[in-house]
Amino acid sequence: MQGRIAILLLAVLAAGCLGLGGCVVAPPRARVVAVAPARVWVPAHWNHNGVWIVGHWRYR
């Protein structure tokens, strides 16, 4: 009787280890393609020193 319980416990333990330690399948990640930096318009504004900054283009 104890032999059957030990075998059953060992089988459940082995099944649990195989179930939790299995391979995780995930879809491949998309590759990021390097593109040229985009230019964006920065509108005119006041900076922290109270100086008026005119609108200008800058790279994003």
C-alpha atoms as a PDB file:
ATOM      1  CA  MET A   1       0.000   0.000   0.000  1.00  0.00           C
ATOM      2  CA  GLN A   2       2.756   2.448   0.895  1.00  0.00           C
ATOM      3  CA  GLY A   3       4.577   1.486  -2.302  1.00  0.00           C
ATOM      4  CA  ARG A   4       1.581   2.447  -4.453  1.00  0.00           C
ATOM      5  CA  ILE A   5       1.177   5.783  -2.637  1.00  0.00           C
ATOM      6  CA  ALA A   6       4.888   6.512  -3.061  1.00  0.00           C
ATOM      7  CA  ILE A   7       4.726   5.721  -6.788  1.00  0.00           C
ATOM      8  CA  LEU A   8       1.556   7.801  -7.196  1.00  0.00           C
ATOM      9  CA  LEU A   9       3.136  10.724  -5.302  1.00  0.00           C
ATOM     10  CA  LEU A  10       6.294  10.453  -7.414  1.00  0.00           C
ATOM     11  CA  ALA A  11       4.225  10.422 -10.622  1.00  0.00           C
ATOM     12  CA  VAL A  12       2.226  13.489  -9.542  1.00  0.00           C
ATOM     13  CA  LEU A  13       5.443  15.264  -8.574  1.00  0.00           C
ATOM     14  CA  ALA A  14       7.084  14.431 -11.911  1.00  0.00           C
ATOM     15  CA  ALA A  15       3.989  15.572 -13.838  1.00  0.00           C
ATOM     16  CA  GLY A  16       3.961  18.833 -11.886  1.00  0.00           C
ATOM     17  CA  CYS A  17       7.632  19.479 -12.595  1.00  0.00           C
ATOM     18  CA  LEU A  18       7.161  18.801 -16.293  1.00  0.00           C
ATOM     19  CA  GLY A  19       4.065  20.971 -16.405  1.00  0.00           C
ATOM     20  CA  LEU A  20       5.644  23.953 -14.640  1.00  0.00           C
ATOM     21  CA  GLY A  21       9.060  23.700 -16.238  1.00  0.00           C
ATOM     22  CA  GLY A  22       7.892  23.425 -19.816  1.00  0.00           C
ATOM     23  CA  CYS A  23       8.940  25.558 -22.753  1.00  0.00           C
ATOM     24  CA  VAL A  24       7.139  28.856 -23.132  1.00  0.00           C
ATOM     25  CA  VAL A  25       6.226  29.553 -26.744  1.00  0.00           C
ATOM     26  CA  ALA A  26       5.889  33.228 -27.671  1.00  0.00           C
ATOM     27  CA  PRO A  27       5.564  34.923 -31.058  1.00  0.00           C
ATOM     28  CA  PRO A  28       8.756  36.526 -32.374  1.00  0.00           C
ATOM     29  CA  ARG A  29       9.280  40.201 -31.604  1.00  0.00           C
ATOM     30  CA  ALA A  30       8.995  42.750 -34.368  1.00  0.00           C
ATOM     31  CA  ARG A  31      12.323  44.138 -35.488  1.00  0.00           C
ATOM     32  CA  VAL A  32      12.786  47.854 -35.092  1.00  0.00           C
ATOM     33  CA  VAL A  33      13.990  49.439 -38.289  1.00  0.00           C
ATOM     34  CA  ALA A  34      16.167  52.506 -37.878  1.00  0.00           C
ATOM     35  CA  VAL A  35      14.672  55.438 -39.741  1.00  0.00           C
ATOM     36  CA  ALA A  36      15.889  58.955 -40.284  1.00  0.00           C
ATOM     37  CA  PRO A  37      14.971  61.313 -37.437  1.00  0.00           C
ATOM     38  CA  ALA A  38      11.808  63.271 -38.098  1.00  0.00           C
ATOM     39  CA  ARG A  39      11.805  67.055 -37.954  1.00  0.00           C
ATOM     40  CA  VAL A  40       9.108  68.629 -35.803  1.00  0.00           C
ATOM     41  CA  TRP A  41       8.025  72.227 -35.338  1.00  0.00           C
ATOM     42  CA  VAL A  42       8.469  73.656 -31.849  1.00  0.00           C
ATOM     43  CA  PRO A  43       6.082  76.599 -31.363  1.00  0.00           C
ATOM     44  CA  ALA A  44       7.206  79.866 -29.801  1.00  0.00           C
ATOM     45  CA  HIS A  45       7.194  79.933 -26.004  1.00  0.00           C
ATOM     46  CA  TRP A  46       8.600  81.599 -22.889  1.00  0.00           C
ATOM     47  CA  ASN A  47      11.482  79.763 -21.244  1.00  0.00           C
ATOM     48  CA  HIS A  48      12.067  79.522 -17.495  1.00  0.00           C
ATOM     49  CA  ASN A  49      14.108  82.764 -17.464  1.00  0.00           C
ATOM     50  CA  GLY A  50      11.303  84.780 -19.047  1.00  0.00           C
ATOM     51  CA  VAL A  51      12.982  84.940 -22.458  1.00  0.00           C
ATOM     52  CA  TRP A  52      10.799  84.606 -25.568  1.00  0.00           C
ATOM     53  CA  ILE A  53      11.923  81.711 -27.768  1.00  0.00           C
ATOM     54  CA  VAL A  54      10.770  81.939 -31.393  1.00  0.00           C
ATOM     55  CA  GLY A  55       9.340  78.916 -33.133  1.00  0.00           C
ATOM     56  CA  HIS A  56      11.895  76.627 -34.737  1.00  0.00           C
ATOM     57  CA  TRP A  57      12.425  73.191 -36.267  1.00  0.00           C
ATOM     58  CA  ARG A  58      14.165  70.480 -34.292  1.00  0.00           C
ATOM     59  CA  TYR A  59      14.894  66.797 -34.772  1.00  0.00           C
ATOM     60  CA  ARG A  60      12.747  64.398 -32.856  1.00  0.00           C
END
